[in-house]
Amino acid sequence: MKQVININRALKSERLLKALTGVSVAEFNTLLPSFDAAVTKSKREQKTNRKRAEGGGRKTPC
């Protein structure tokens, strides 16, 4: 059985988050706004280079 890591569980457990990321919960929460801004900026930049709107184009036959 494949187990999926629950992000809420990891954020509540100092030991689990440290094992996954190498940083403590306090450090993770400090870094989170920077990473969130970088991801948001990256997603915005990717969308401007599109030829068509997301979901536009031919539909594949199922």
C-alpha atoms as a PDB file:
ATOM      1  CA  MET A   1       0.000   0.000   0.000  1.00  0.00           C
ATOM      2  CA  LYS A   2       1.404   3.375  -1.012  1.00  0.00           C
ATOM      3  CA  GLN A   3       1.369   6.000   1.718  1.00  0.00           C
ATOM      4  CA  VAL A   4       0.935   9.678   0.967  1.00  0.00           C
ATOM      5  CA  ILE A   5       2.405  12.304   3.253  1.00  0.00           C
ATOM      6  CA  ASN A   6      -0.199  14.715   4.563  1.00  0.00           C
ATOM      7  CA  ILE A   7       1.202  18.276   4.573  1.00  0.00           C
ATOM      8  CA  ASN A   8      -0.855  19.263   7.623  1.00  0.00           C
ATOM      9  CA  ARG A   9       0.535  16.309   9.550  1.00  0.00           C
ATOM     10  CA  ALA A  10       4.089  17.209   8.516  1.00  0.00           C
ATOM     11  CA  LEU A  11       3.648  20.840   9.596  1.00  0.00           C
ATOM     12  CA  LYS A  12       2.433  19.747  13.029  1.00  0.00           C
ATOM     13  CA  SER A  13       5.303  17.313  13.567  1.00  0.00           C
ATOM     14  CA  GLU A  14       8.722  18.894  14.089  1.00  0.00           C
ATOM     15  CA  ARG A  15      10.458  15.556  13.583  1.00  0.00           C
ATOM     16  CA  LEU A  16       8.624  14.656  10.339  1.00  0.00           C
ATOM     17  CA  LEU A  17       9.127  18.078   8.748  1.00  0.00           C
ATOM     18  CA  LYS A  18      12.810  18.050   9.681  1.00  0.00           C
ATOM     19  CA  ALA A  19      13.190  14.605   8.065  1.00  0.00           C
ATOM     20  CA  LEU A  20      11.438  15.722   4.867  1.00  0.00           C
ATOM     21  CA  THR A  21      12.928  19.181   4.383  1.00  0.00           C
ATOM     22  CA  GLY A  22      15.905  19.483   6.692  1.00  0.00           C
ATOM     23  CA  VAL A  23      14.475  22.573   8.391  1.00  0.00           C
ATOM     24  CA  SER A  24      12.398  23.076  11.532  1.00  0.00           C
ATOM     25  CA  VAL A  25       8.761  24.186  11.528  1.00  0.00           C
ATOM     26  CA  ALA A  26       9.775  27.727  12.567  1.00  0.00           C
ATOM     27  CA  GLU A  27      12.350  27.953   9.754  1.00  0.00           C
ATOM     28  CA  PHE A  28       9.852  26.527   7.268  1.00  0.00           C
ATOM     29  CA  ASN A  29       7.240  29.127   8.241  1.00  0.00           C
ATOM     30  CA  THR A  30       9.878  31.863   7.856  1.00  0.00           C
ATOM     31  CA  LEU A  31      10.802  30.678   4.344  1.00  0.00           C
ATOM     32  CA  LEU A  32       7.234  30.005   3.192  1.00  0.00           C
ATOM     33  CA  PRO A  33       6.327  33.581   2.057  1.00  0.00           C
ATOM     34  CA  SER A  34       9.471  33.780  -0.122  1.00  0.00           C
ATOM     35  CA  PHE A  35       8.758  30.461  -1.795  1.00  0.00           C
ATOM     36  CA  ASP A  36       5.088  31.315  -2.252  1.00  0.00           C
ATOM     37  CA  ALA A  37       5.992  34.586  -3.992  1.00  0.00           C
ATOM     38  CA  ALA A  38       8.526  32.815  -6.235  1.00  0.00           C
ATOM     39  CA  VAL A  39       6.049  30.113  -7.258  1.00  0.00           C
ATOM     40  CA  THR A  40       3.323  32.672  -7.952  1.00  0.00           C
ATOM     41  CA  LYS A  41       5.706  34.751 -10.083  1.00  0.00           C
ATOM     42  CA  SER A  42       6.864  31.668 -11.982  1.00  0.00           C
ATOM     43  CA  LYS A  43       3.292  30.582 -12.733  1.00  0.00           C
ATOM     44  CA  ARG A  44       2.422  34.091 -13.974  1.00  0.00           C
ATOM     45  CA  GLU A  45       5.441  34.146 -16.292  1.00  0.00           C
ATOM     46  CA  GLN A  46       4.616  30.727 -17.717  1.00  0.00           C
ATOM     47  CA  LYS A  47       1.071  31.764 -18.543  1.00  0.00           C
ATOM     48  CA  THR A  48       2.124  34.831 -20.558  1.00  0.00           C
ATOM     49  CA  ASN A  49       3.970  32.663 -23.101  1.00  0.00           C
ATOM     50  CA  ARG A  50       0.890  30.644 -24.052  1.00  0.00           C
ATOM     51  CA  LYS A  51      -0.410  30.660 -27.612  1.00  0.00           C
ATOM     52  CA  ARG A  52      -3.894  29.770 -26.455  1.00  0.00           C
ATOM     53  CA  ALA A  53      -5.845  30.070 -23.272  1.00  0.00           C
ATOM     54  CA  GLU A  54      -5.547  27.228 -20.803  1.00  0.00           C
ATOM     55  CA  GLY A  55      -7.908  24.486 -21.927  1.00  0.00           C
ATOM     56  CA  GLY A  56      -8.080  25.918 -25.445  1.00  0.00           C
ATOM     57  CA  GLY A  57      -7.354  23.906 -28.552  1.00  0.00           C
ATOM     58  CA  ARG A  58      -8.502  20.566 -29.836  1.00  0.00           C
ATOM     59  CA  LYS A  59     -10.162  18.114 -27.534  1.00  0.00           C
ATOM     60  CA  THR A  60      -8.762  14.605 -27.571  1.00  0.00           C
ATOM     61  CA  PRO A  61     -11.104  11.753 -28.493  1.00  0.00           C
ATOM     62  CA  CYS A  62     -11.686   9.467 -25.537  1.00  0.00           C
END
